[in-house]
Amino acid sequence: MFSALARLAPVALRRSFSTSAQNNAKVAVPGASGGIGQPLALLKNSPLVSGLTLYDIAHTPGVAADLSHIETRAHCLKVVVIPAGIPRKPGMTRDDLFNTNACIVATLSVACAQHCPEAIIISNPGLDPAQVNVPVFGGHAGKTIIPLISQCTAQVDIPQDQLTAITGQIQEAGTEVVKAKAGAALATLSMAYTGARFVFSLVDAMNGKEGVVECSFVKSPEADCAYFSTPLLLGKKGIEKNLGIGKISPFGEKMIAEAIPELKASIKKGEEFVKNMK
């Protein structure tokens, strides 16, 4: 066990401090579906990580699907983090866990020493997701989620059949994660990341940073319903300006038209709920 770790560690440590490796680190997380492994998988958000590989005995595709909605470039093997093992229960000492967890760590360590003793750097081709912005208009469910890819930066030219498919994938992203996790959990990682990102943006704007723009569902005159998500310019007092819908393609117009009836129904339901609380 320790000889395997000794063979792996010098490579990982030596390369992690080199200039090139700092932006091209591939990280593996065995036990990625567990209580420690899932939040640890948010290493995907680090600019130092170019690739993230997840391992566990169950629900791993769900964790991967959840993480896929976090817009970072992370896409072979430099550092291995092992949170795998059984948790300590009330009344158990750490010595009680040793036999089981030591075997797990030893097995993983031997596998790492065999399969990635000399990790290679592989860069991910294409656009950096962190530099891609697709504004999402409308609401929060199904066809009310309106990703206007025509307003994407950097600009992309996508055939209509692919555009329709991609739009559907975005609209059903939450359902995709739930199915991939086999009902074990929701899209917790990407939603938590989204909430944190919005908080950071808002605090930045309140502290005086200029040009901070995020999409949010707010009271709005921009569409034929009382509330509608559009890009908002944030400032010291919150919303400085609603940037509106802007120029959209016929496909975008069609999506908005189809979303309005469902949005109106959802808004009415929410307003009636609030009235009945009084």
C-alpha atoms as a PDB file:
ATOM      1  CA  MET A   1       0.000   0.000   0.000  1.00  0.00           C
ATOM      2  CA  PHE A   2       2.570   2.554   1.070  1.00  0.00           C
ATOM      3  CA  SER A   3       5.013   1.651  -1.703  1.00  0.00           C
ATOM      4  CA  ALA A   4       2.262   2.272  -4.257  1.00  0.00           C
ATOM      5  CA  LEU A   5       1.487   5.645  -2.729  1.00  0.00           C
ATOM      6  CA  ALA A   6       5.173   6.479  -2.646  1.00  0.00           C
ATOM      7  CA  ARG A   7       5.505   5.753  -6.358  1.00  0.00           C
ATOM      8  CA  LEU A   8       2.468   7.892  -7.219  1.00  0.00           C
ATOM      9  CA  ALA A   9       3.000  10.832  -4.898  1.00  0.00           C
ATOM     10  CA  PRO A  10       6.314  12.174  -6.252  1.00  0.00           C
ATOM     11  CA  VAL A  11       4.856  12.444  -9.754  1.00  0.00           C
ATOM     12  CA  ALA A  12       1.706  14.199  -8.582  1.00  0.00           C
ATOM     13  CA  LEU A  13       3.498  16.579  -6.245  1.00  0.00           C
ATOM     14  CA  ARG A  14       6.398  17.354  -8.535  1.00  0.00           C
ATOM     15  CA  ARG A  15       4.203  18.191 -11.482  1.00  0.00           C
ATOM     16  CA  SER A  16       1.580  20.113  -9.549  1.00  0.00           C
ATOM     17  CA  PHE A  17       4.098  22.835  -8.836  1.00  0.00           C
ATOM     18  CA  SER A  18       5.321  23.218 -12.413  1.00  0.00           C
ATOM     19  CA  THR A  19       4.027  26.118 -14.507  1.00  0.00           C
ATOM     20  CA  SER A  20       2.428  23.972 -17.192  1.00  0.00           C
ATOM     21  CA  ALA A  21       0.767  21.547 -14.792  1.00  0.00           C
ATOM     22  CA  GLN A  22      -0.910  24.278 -12.785  1.00  0.00           C
ATOM     23  CA  ASN A  23      -3.428  24.822 -15.568  1.00  0.00           C
ATOM     24  CA  ASN A  24      -3.641  21.236 -16.800  1.00  0.00           C
ATOM     25  CA  ALA A  25      -4.265  19.077 -13.749  1.00  0.00           C
ATOM     26  CA  LYS A  26      -6.408  15.989 -14.173  1.00  0.00           C
ATOM     27  CA  VAL A  27      -8.042  14.952 -10.891  1.00  0.00           C
ATOM     28  CA  ALA A  28      -9.756  11.660 -10.044  1.00  0.00           C
ATOM     29  CA  VAL A  29     -12.262  11.330  -7.200  1.00  0.00           C
ATOM     30  CA  PRO A  30     -13.008   7.724  -6.172  1.00  0.00           C
ATOM     31  CA  GLY A  31     -16.090   7.595  -3.956  1.00  0.00           C
ATOM     32  CA  ALA A  32     -17.563  10.503  -5.909  1.00  0.00           C
ATOM     33  CA  SER A  33     -21.194   9.752  -5.039  1.00  0.00           C
ATOM     34  CA  GLY A  34     -20.680   9.962  -1.279  1.00  0.00           C
ATOM     35  CA  GLY A  35     -21.262  12.749   1.186  1.00  0.00           C
ATOM     36  CA  ILE A  36     -17.657  13.915   0.922  1.00  0.00           C
ATOM     37  CA  GLY A  37     -17.040  12.900  -2.683  1.00  0.00           C
ATOM     38  CA  GLN A  38     -19.881  14.959  -4.188  1.00  0.00           C
ATOM     39  CA  PRO A  39     -18.882  18.346  -2.771  1.00  0.00           C
ATOM     40  CA  LEU A  40     -15.236  17.423  -3.368  1.00  0.00           C
ATOM     41  CA  ALA A  41     -16.124  16.935  -7.033  1.00  0.00           C
ATOM     42  CA  LEU A  42     -16.677  20.698  -7.140  1.00  0.00           C
ATOM     43  CA  LEU A  43     -12.929  20.741  -7.758  1.00  0.00           C
ATOM     44  CA  LYS A  44     -14.216  21.007 -11.333  1.00  0.00           C
ATOM     45  CA  ASN A  45     -14.701  24.699 -10.587  1.00  0.00           C
ATOM     46  CA  SER A  46     -10.973  25.288 -10.089  1.00  0.00           C
ATOM     47  CA  PRO A  47      -9.086  26.883 -13.003  1.00  0.00           C
ATOM     48  CA  LEU A  48      -6.208  24.559 -12.116  1.00  0.00           C
ATOM     49  CA  VAL A  49      -8.223  21.474 -13.062  1.00  0.00           C
ATOM     50  CA  SER A  50      -8.458  20.537 -16.733  1.00  0.00           C
ATOM     51  CA  GLY A  51     -10.094  17.169 -16.201  1.00  0.00           C
ATOM     52  CA  LEU A  52     -12.125  15.399 -13.536  1.00  0.00           C
ATOM     53  CA  THR A  53     -12.741  11.651 -13.396  1.00  0.00           C
ATOM     54  CA  LEU A  54     -15.352  10.253 -11.017  1.00  0.00           C
ATOM     55  CA  TYR A  55     -15.489   6.724  -9.595  1.00  0.00           C
ATOM     56  CA  ASP A  56     -17.989   4.994  -7.324  1.00  0.00           C
ATOM     57  CA  ILE A  57     -20.146   1.884  -7.192  1.00  0.00           C
ATOM     58  CA  ALA A  58     -23.433   3.750  -7.769  1.00  0.00           C
ATOM     59  CA  HIS A  59     -24.884   7.020  -9.088  1.00  0.00           C
ATOM     60  CA  THR A  60     -21.605   8.239 -10.576  1.00  0.00           C
ATOM     61  CA  PRO A  61     -23.186   9.135 -13.957  1.00  0.00           C
ATOM     62  CA  GLY A  62     -25.650  11.288 -12.029  1.00  0.00           C
ATOM     63  CA  VAL A  63     -22.892  13.214 -10.292  1.00  0.00           C
ATOM     64  CA  ALA A  64     -21.168  13.693 -13.652  1.00  0.00           C
ATOM     65  CA  ALA A  65     -24.416  14.922 -15.233  1.00  0.00           C
ATOM     66  CA  ASP A  66     -24.910  17.346 -12.344  1.00  0.00           C
ATOM     67  CA  LEU A  67     -21.384  18.718 -12.669  1.00  0.00           C
ATOM     68  CA  SER A  68     -21.707  19.040 -16.445  1.00  0.00           C
ATOM     69  CA  HIS A  69     -23.894  22.115 -15.958  1.00  0.00           C
ATOM     70  CA  ILE A  70     -21.080  24.034 -14.275  1.00  0.00           C
ATOM     71  CA  GLU A  71     -19.425  26.057 -17.012  1.00  0.00           C
ATOM     72  CA  THR A  72     -15.748  25.256 -16.621  1.00  0.00           C
ATOM     73  CA  ARG A  73     -13.258  23.744 -19.077  1.00  0.00           C
ATOM     74  CA  ALA A  74     -12.495  20.724 -16.916  1.00  0.00           C
ATOM     75  CA  HIS A  75     -12.613  17.809 -19.195  1.00  0.00           C
ATOM     76  CA  CYS A  76      -4.802  12.219 -18.189  1.00  0.00           C
ATOM     77  CA  LEU A  77      -4.078  11.766 -14.568  1.00  0.00           C
ATOM     78  CA  LYS A  78      -2.213  14.056 -12.185  1.00  0.00           C
ATOM     79  CA  VAL A  79      -3.757  13.969  -8.721  1.00  0.00           C
ATOM     80  CA  VAL A  80      -5.931  11.309  -7.128  1.00  0.00           C
ATOM     81  CA  VAL A  81      -8.143  12.198  -4.162  1.00  0.00           C
ATOM     82  CA  ILE A  82      -9.612   9.239  -2.280  1.00  0.00           C
ATOM     83  CA  PRO A  83     -12.653  10.024  -0.107  1.00  0.00           C
ATOM     84  CA  ALA A  84     -13.938   6.454  -0.646  1.00  0.00           C
ATOM     85  CA  GLY A  85     -14.725   4.155   2.279  1.00  0.00           C
ATOM     86  CA  ILE A  86     -17.445   3.543   4.839  1.00  0.00           C
ATOM     87  CA  PRO A  87     -18.296   6.378   7.261  1.00  0.00           C
ATOM     88  CA  ARG A  88     -17.663   6.183  10.999  1.00  0.00           C
ATOM     89  CA  LYS A  89     -20.907   5.544  12.884  1.00  0.00           C
ATOM     90  CA  PRO A  90     -21.764   6.506  16.481  1.00  0.00           C
ATOM     91  CA  GLY A  91     -19.823   4.347  18.905  1.00  0.00           C
ATOM     92  CA  MET A  92     -17.183   3.354  16.369  1.00  0.00           C
ATOM     93  CA  THR A  93     -13.551   4.309  16.716  1.00  0.00           C
ATOM     94  CA  ARG A  94     -11.309   5.089  13.783  1.00  0.00           C
ATOM     95  CA  ASP A  95      -9.518   1.817  14.453  1.00  0.00           C
ATOM     96  CA  ASP A  96     -12.812   0.005  13.792  1.00  0.00           C
ATOM     97  CA  LEU A  97     -12.790   1.370  10.258  1.00  0.00           C
ATOM     98  CA  PHE A  98      -9.191   0.510   9.513  1.00  0.00           C
ATOM     99  CA  ASN A  99      -9.532  -2.943   7.945  1.00  0.00           C
ATOM    100  CA  THR A 100     -12.329  -1.993   5.550  1.00  0.00           C
ATOM    101  CA  ASN A 101     -11.119   1.451   4.556  1.00  0.00           C
ATOM    102  CA  ALA A 102      -7.446   0.505   4.428  1.00  0.00           C
ATOM    103  CA  CYS A 103      -8.298  -2.218   1.912  1.00  0.00           C
ATOM    104  CA  ILE A 104     -10.210   0.275  -0.242  1.00  0.00           C
ATOM    105  CA  VAL A 105      -7.396   2.809  -0.196  1.00  0.00           C
ATOM    106  CA  ALA A 106      -4.768   0.126  -0.841  1.00  0.00           C
ATOM    107  CA  THR A 107      -6.669  -1.245  -3.858  1.00  0.00           C
ATOM    108  CA  LEU A 108      -7.142   2.215  -5.364  1.00  0.00           C
ATOM    109  CA  SER A 109      -3.527   3.149  -4.728  1.00  0.00           C
ATOM    110  CA  VAL A 110      -2.226   0.046  -6.493  1.00  0.00           C
ATOM    111  CA  ALA A 111      -4.518   0.748  -9.446  1.00  0.00           C
ATOM    112  CA  CYS A 112      -3.247   4.330  -9.671  1.00  0.00           C
ATOM    113  CA  ALA A 113       0.364   3.204  -9.526  1.00  0.00           C
ATOM    114  CA  GLN A 114      -0.300   0.719 -12.332  1.00  0.00           C
ATOM    115  CA  HIS A 115      -2.354   2.916 -14.646  1.00  0.00           C
ATOM    116  CA  CYS A 116      -1.051   6.463 -14.156  1.00  0.00           C
ATOM    117  CA  PRO A 117       2.489   6.454 -12.739  1.00  0.00           C
ATOM    118  CA  GLU A 118       3.591   8.955 -15.398  1.00  0.00           C
ATOM    119  CA  ALA A 119       0.645  11.281 -15.892  1.00  0.00           C
ATOM    120  CA  ILE A 120       0.372  13.064 -19.237  1.00  0.00           C
ATOM    121  CA  ILE A 121      -0.987  16.551 -19.899  1.00  0.00           C
ATOM    122  CA  ILE A 122      -3.894  16.638 -22.342  1.00  0.00           C
ATOM    123  CA  SER A 123      -5.556  19.926 -23.267  1.00  0.00           C
ATOM    124  CA  ASN A 124      -9.286  20.114 -24.076  1.00  0.00           C
ATOM    125  CA  PRO A 125      -9.960  21.291 -27.673  1.00  0.00           C
ATOM    126  CA  GLY A 126     -12.639  23.863 -28.576  1.00  0.00           C
ATOM    127  CA  LEU A 127     -14.030  26.888 -26.694  1.00  0.00           C
ATOM    128  CA  ASP A 128     -13.353  27.361 -22.974  1.00  0.00           C
ATOM    129  CA  PRO A 129     -16.835  27.011 -21.350  1.00  0.00           C
ATOM    130  CA  ALA A 130     -15.933  29.753 -18.863  1.00  0.00           C
ATOM    131  CA  GLN A 131     -15.764  32.163 -21.817  1.00  0.00           C
ATOM    132  CA  VAL A 132     -19.142  31.080 -23.236  1.00  0.00           C
ATOM    133  CA  ASN A 133     -22.314  32.845 -22.122  1.00  0.00           C
ATOM    134  CA  VAL A 134     -25.818  31.781 -23.159  1.00  0.00           C
ATOM    135  CA  PRO A 135     -28.548  34.013 -21.670  1.00  0.00           C
ATOM    136  CA  VAL A 136     -31.557  32.045 -20.427  1.00  0.00           C
ATOM    137  CA  PHE A 137     -34.892  33.866 -20.632  1.00  0.00           C
ATOM    138  CA  GLY A 138     -38.400  33.047 -19.424  1.00  0.00           C
ATOM    139  CA  GLY A 139     -38.929  30.843 -16.393  1.00  0.00           C
ATOM    140  CA  HIS A 140     -37.693  27.819 -14.484  1.00  0.00           C
ATOM    141  CA  ALA A 141     -39.433  24.745 -15.874  1.00  0.00           C
ATOM    142  CA  GLY A 142     -39.672  22.848 -19.152  1.00  0.00           C
ATOM    143  CA  LYS A 143     -40.469  24.966 -22.190  1.00  0.00           C
ATOM    144  CA  THR A 144     -40.526  28.162 -20.106  1.00  0.00           C
ATOM    145  CA  ILE A 145     -36.718  27.816 -19.981  1.00  0.00           C
ATOM    146  CA  ILE A 146     -35.611  29.715 -23.089  1.00  0.00           C
ATOM    147  CA  PRO A 147     -31.879  29.559 -23.860  1.00  0.00           C
ATOM    148  CA  LEU A 148     -31.283  32.119 -26.618  1.00  0.00           C
ATOM    149  CA  ILE A 149     -28.292  30.521 -28.285  1.00  0.00           C
ATOM    150  CA  SER A 150     -28.560  33.163 -31.026  1.00  0.00           C
ATOM    151  CA  GLN A 151     -27.310  35.634 -28.381  1.00  0.00           C
ATOM    152  CA  CYS A 152     -24.488  33.341 -27.271  1.00  0.00           C
ATOM    153  CA  THR A 153     -21.014  34.809 -26.808  1.00  0.00           C
ATOM    154  CA  ALA A 154     -18.785  33.738 -28.437  1.00  0.00           C
ATOM    155  CA  GLN A 155     -21.116  33.570 -31.441  1.00  0.00           C
ATOM    156  CA  VAL A 156     -21.852  30.116 -32.825  1.00  0.00           C
ATOM    157  CA  ASP A 157     -23.564  28.927 -35.989  1.00  0.00           C
ATOM    158  CA  ILE A 158     -25.585  25.784 -35.267  1.00  0.00           C
ATOM    159  CA  PRO A 159     -27.837  23.975 -37.776  1.00  0.00           C
ATOM    160  CA  GLN A 160     -31.518  24.106 -36.826  1.00  0.00           C
ATOM    161  CA  ASP A 161     -31.849  20.397 -36.059  1.00  0.00           C
ATOM    162  CA  GLN A 162     -28.880  20.541 -33.655  1.00  0.00           C
ATOM    163  CA  LEU A 163     -30.160  23.820 -32.190  1.00  0.00           C
ATOM    164  CA  THR A 164     -33.525  22.226 -31.423  1.00  0.00           C
ATOM    165  CA  ALA A 165     -31.830  19.221 -29.789  1.00  0.00           C
ATOM    166  CA  ILE A 166     -29.442  21.353 -27.690  1.00  0.00           C
ATOM    167  CA  THR A 167     -32.304  23.588 -26.566  1.00  0.00           C
ATOM    168  CA  GLY A 168     -34.269  20.539 -25.454  1.00  0.00           C
ATOM    169  CA  GLN A 169     -31.272  19.234 -23.509  1.00  0.00           C
ATOM    170  CA  ILE A 170     -30.928  22.546 -21.678  1.00  0.00           C
ATOM    171  CA  GLN A 171     -34.643  22.662 -20.874  1.00  0.00           C
ATOM    172  CA  GLU A 172     -34.585  19.121 -19.488  1.00  0.00           C
ATOM    173  CA  ALA A 173     -31.196  19.372 -17.770  1.00  0.00           C
ATOM    174  CA  GLY A 174     -32.619  19.023 -14.266  1.00  0.00           C
ATOM    175  CA  THR A 175     -34.650  15.959 -15.226  1.00  0.00           C
ATOM    176  CA  GLU A 176     -31.573  14.457 -16.878  1.00  0.00           C
ATOM    177  CA  VAL A 177     -29.597  14.731 -13.640  1.00  0.00           C
ATOM    178  CA  VAL A 178     -32.425  13.247 -11.540  1.00  0.00           C
ATOM    179  CA  LYS A 179     -32.670  10.282 -13.920  1.00  0.00           C
ATOM    180  CA  ALA A 180     -28.894   9.843 -13.987  1.00  0.00           C
ATOM    181  CA  LYS A 181     -28.824   9.808 -10.177  1.00  0.00           C
ATOM    182  CA  ALA A 182     -31.590   7.183 -10.266  1.00  0.00           C
ATOM    183  CA  GLY A 183     -33.804   9.316  -8.048  1.00  0.00           C
ATOM    184  CA  ALA A 184     -31.196   9.409  -5.288  1.00  0.00           C
ATOM    185  CA  ALA A 185     -30.821  13.201  -5.416  1.00  0.00           C
ATOM    186  CA  LEU A 186     -31.566  16.342  -7.382  1.00  0.00           C
ATOM    187  CA  ALA A 187     -29.165  18.519  -9.367  1.00  0.00           C
ATOM    188  CA  THR A 188     -27.724  19.735  -6.069  1.00  0.00           C
ATOM    189  CA  LEU A 189     -24.181  20.571  -7.168  1.00  0.00           C
ATOM    190  CA  SER A 190     -24.969  22.689 -10.211  1.00  0.00           C
ATOM    191  CA  MET A 191     -27.846  24.459  -8.437  1.00  0.00           C
ATOM    192  CA  ALA A 192     -25.686  25.246  -5.415  1.00  0.00           C
ATOM    193  CA  TYR A 193     -22.952  26.503  -7.744  1.00  0.00           C
ATOM    194  CA  THR A 194     -25.478  28.684  -9.589  1.00  0.00           C
ATOM    195  CA  GLY A 195     -26.740  30.197  -6.341  1.00  0.00           C
ATOM    196  CA  ALA A 196     -23.206  30.880  -5.146  1.00  0.00           C
ATOM    197  CA  ARG A 197     -22.255  32.431  -8.486  1.00  0.00           C
ATOM    198  CA  PHE A 198     -25.269  34.782  -8.357  1.00  0.00           C
ATOM    199  CA  VAL A 199     -24.420  35.801  -4.789  1.00  0.00           C
ATOM    200  CA  PHE A 200     -20.806  36.535  -5.773  1.00  0.00           C
ATOM    201  CA  SER A 201     -21.984  38.600  -8.753  1.00  0.00           C
ATOM    202  CA  LEU A 202     -24.480  40.540  -6.654  1.00  0.00           C
ATOM    203  CA  VAL A 203     -21.963  41.265  -3.897  1.00  0.00           C
ATOM    204  CA  ASP A 204     -19.386  42.345  -6.486  1.00  0.00           C
ATOM    205  CA  ALA A 205     -21.925  44.770  -7.970  1.00  0.00           C
ATOM    206  CA  MET A 206     -22.969  46.085  -4.555  1.00  0.00           C
ATOM    207  CA  ASN A 207     -19.300  46.701  -3.800  1.00  0.00           C
ATOM    208  CA  GLY A 208     -18.972  48.886  -6.885  1.00  0.00           C
ATOM    209  CA  LYS A 209     -17.862  46.510  -9.638  1.00  0.00           C
ATOM    210  CA  GLU A 210     -19.274  47.677 -12.963  1.00  0.00           C
ATOM    211  CA  GLY A 211     -20.707  45.678 -15.844  1.00  0.00           C
ATOM    212  CA  VAL A 212     -21.975  42.741 -13.761  1.00  0.00           C
ATOM    213  CA  VAL A 213     -24.783  40.998 -15.675  1.00  0.00           C
ATOM    214  CA  GLU A 214     -26.788  37.939 -14.641  1.00  0.00           C
ATOM    215  CA  CYS A 215     -30.146  36.524 -15.766  1.00  0.00           C
ATOM    216  CA  SER A 216     -32.903  36.415 -13.159  1.00  0.00           C
ATOM    217  CA  PHE A 217     -36.679  35.918 -12.957  1.00  0.00           C
ATOM    218  CA  VAL A 218     -38.100  39.282 -11.844  1.00  0.00           C
ATOM    219  CA  LYS A 219     -41.146  41.526 -12.301  1.00  0.00           C
ATOM    220  CA  SER A 220     -40.719  42.697 -15.864  1.00  0.00           C
ATOM    221  CA  PRO A 221     -42.424  44.560 -18.739  1.00  0.00           C
ATOM    222  CA  GLU A 222     -40.346  42.672 -21.312  1.00  0.00           C
ATOM    223  CA  ALA A 223     -42.905  40.004 -22.231  1.00  0.00           C
ATOM    224  CA  ASP A 224     -46.639  39.402 -22.117  1.00  0.00           C
ATOM    225  CA  CYS A 225     -46.549  38.215 -18.506  1.00  0.00           C
ATOM    226  CA  ALA A 226     -45.863  39.868 -15.155  1.00  0.00           C
ATOM    227  CA  TYR A 227     -42.552  38.138 -14.437  1.00  0.00           C
ATOM    228  CA  PHE A 228     -39.889  37.127 -16.929  1.00  0.00           C
ATOM    229  CA  SER A 229     -36.205  36.204 -16.809  1.00  0.00           C
ATOM    230  CA  THR A 230     -33.841  38.412 -18.819  1.00  0.00           C
ATOM    231  CA  PRO A 231     -30.267  39.657 -18.393  1.00  0.00           C
ATOM    232  CA  LEU A 232     -30.047  42.248 -15.612  1.00  0.00           C
ATOM    233  CA  LEU A 233     -27.321  44.805 -15.009  1.00  0.00           C
ATOM    234  CA  LEU A 234     -26.571  44.619 -11.302  1.00  0.00           C
ATOM    235  CA  GLY A 235     -25.391  47.547  -9.185  1.00  0.00           C
ATOM    236  CA  LYS A 236     -25.022  48.912  -5.665  1.00  0.00           C
ATOM    237  CA  LYS A 237     -28.776  48.785  -5.032  1.00  0.00           C
ATOM    238  CA  GLY A 238     -29.480  45.493  -6.758  1.00  0.00           C
ATOM    239  CA  ILE A 239     -31.005  45.748 -10.231  1.00  0.00           C
ATOM    240  CA  GLU A 240     -29.648  48.786 -12.057  1.00  0.00           C
ATOM    241  CA  LYS A 241     -31.268  48.030 -15.404  1.00  0.00           C
ATOM    242  CA  ASN A 242     -33.273  45.332 -17.120  1.00  0.00           C
ATOM    243  CA  LEU A 243     -31.386  44.731 -20.375  1.00  0.00           C
ATOM    244  CA  GLY A 244     -34.465  43.215 -21.985  1.00  0.00           C
ATOM    245  CA  ILE A 245     -34.865  40.566 -24.634  1.00  0.00           C
ATOM    246  CA  GLY A 246     -32.909  42.275 -27.389  1.00  0.00           C
ATOM    247  CA  LYS A 247     -32.653  40.964 -30.936  1.00  0.00           C
ATOM    248  CA  ILE A 248     -33.825  37.391 -31.279  1.00  0.00           C
ATOM    249  CA  SER A 249     -34.177  34.840 -34.043  1.00  0.00           C
ATOM    250  CA  PRO A 250     -37.524  33.457 -35.307  1.00  0.00           C
ATOM    251  CA  PHE A 251     -36.757  30.292 -33.318  1.00  0.00           C
ATOM    252  CA  GLY A 252     -36.360  32.416 -30.175  1.00  0.00           C
ATOM    253  CA  GLU A 253     -39.623  34.224 -30.858  1.00  0.00           C
ATOM    254  CA  LYS A 254     -41.395  30.883 -31.247  1.00  0.00           C
ATOM    255  CA  MET A 255     -40.010  29.612 -27.929  1.00  0.00           C
ATOM    256  CA  ILE A 256     -41.140  32.745 -26.093  1.00  0.00           C
ATOM    257  CA  ALA A 257     -44.639  32.537 -27.610  1.00  0.00           C
ATOM    258  CA  GLU A 258     -44.939  28.902 -26.545  1.00  0.00           C
ATOM    259  CA  ALA A 259     -43.699  29.661 -23.026  1.00  0.00           C
ATOM    260  CA  ILE A 260     -46.027  32.571 -22.216  1.00  0.00           C
ATOM    261  CA  PRO A 261     -49.237  30.574 -21.445  1.00  0.00           C
ATOM    262  CA  GLU A 262     -47.399  28.249 -19.050  1.00  0.00           C
ATOM    263  CA  LEU A 263     -45.601  31.189 -17.433  1.00  0.00           C
ATOM    264  CA  LYS A 264     -48.881  33.050 -16.929  1.00  0.00           C
ATOM    265  CA  ALA A 265     -50.431  29.993 -15.291  1.00  0.00           C
ATOM    266  CA  SER A 266     -47.455  29.553 -12.956  1.00  0.00           C
ATOM    267  CA  ILE A 267     -47.429  33.241 -12.044  1.00  0.00           C
ATOM    268  CA  LYS A 268     -51.169  33.203 -11.322  1.00  0.00           C
ATOM    269  CA  LYS A 269     -50.753  30.159  -9.090  1.00  0.00           C
ATOM    270  CA  GLY A 270     -47.965  31.890  -7.170  1.00  0.00           C
ATOM    271  CA  GLU A 271     -49.888  35.135  -6.757  1.00  0.00           C
ATOM    272  CA  GLU A 272     -52.979  33.292  -5.516  1.00  0.00           C
ATOM    273  CA  PHE A 273     -50.862  31.386  -3.020  1.00  0.00           C
ATOM    274  CA  VAL A 274     -49.505  34.654  -1.603  1.00  0.00           C
ATOM    275  CA  LYS A 275     -52.992  36.190  -1.415  1.00  0.00           C
ATOM    276  CA  ASN A 276     -54.308  33.185   0.520  1.00  0.00           C
ATOM    277  CA  MET A 277     -51.469  33.540   3.043  1.00  0.00           C
ATOM    278  CA  LYS A 278     -52.745  36.977   4.141  1.00  0.00           C
END
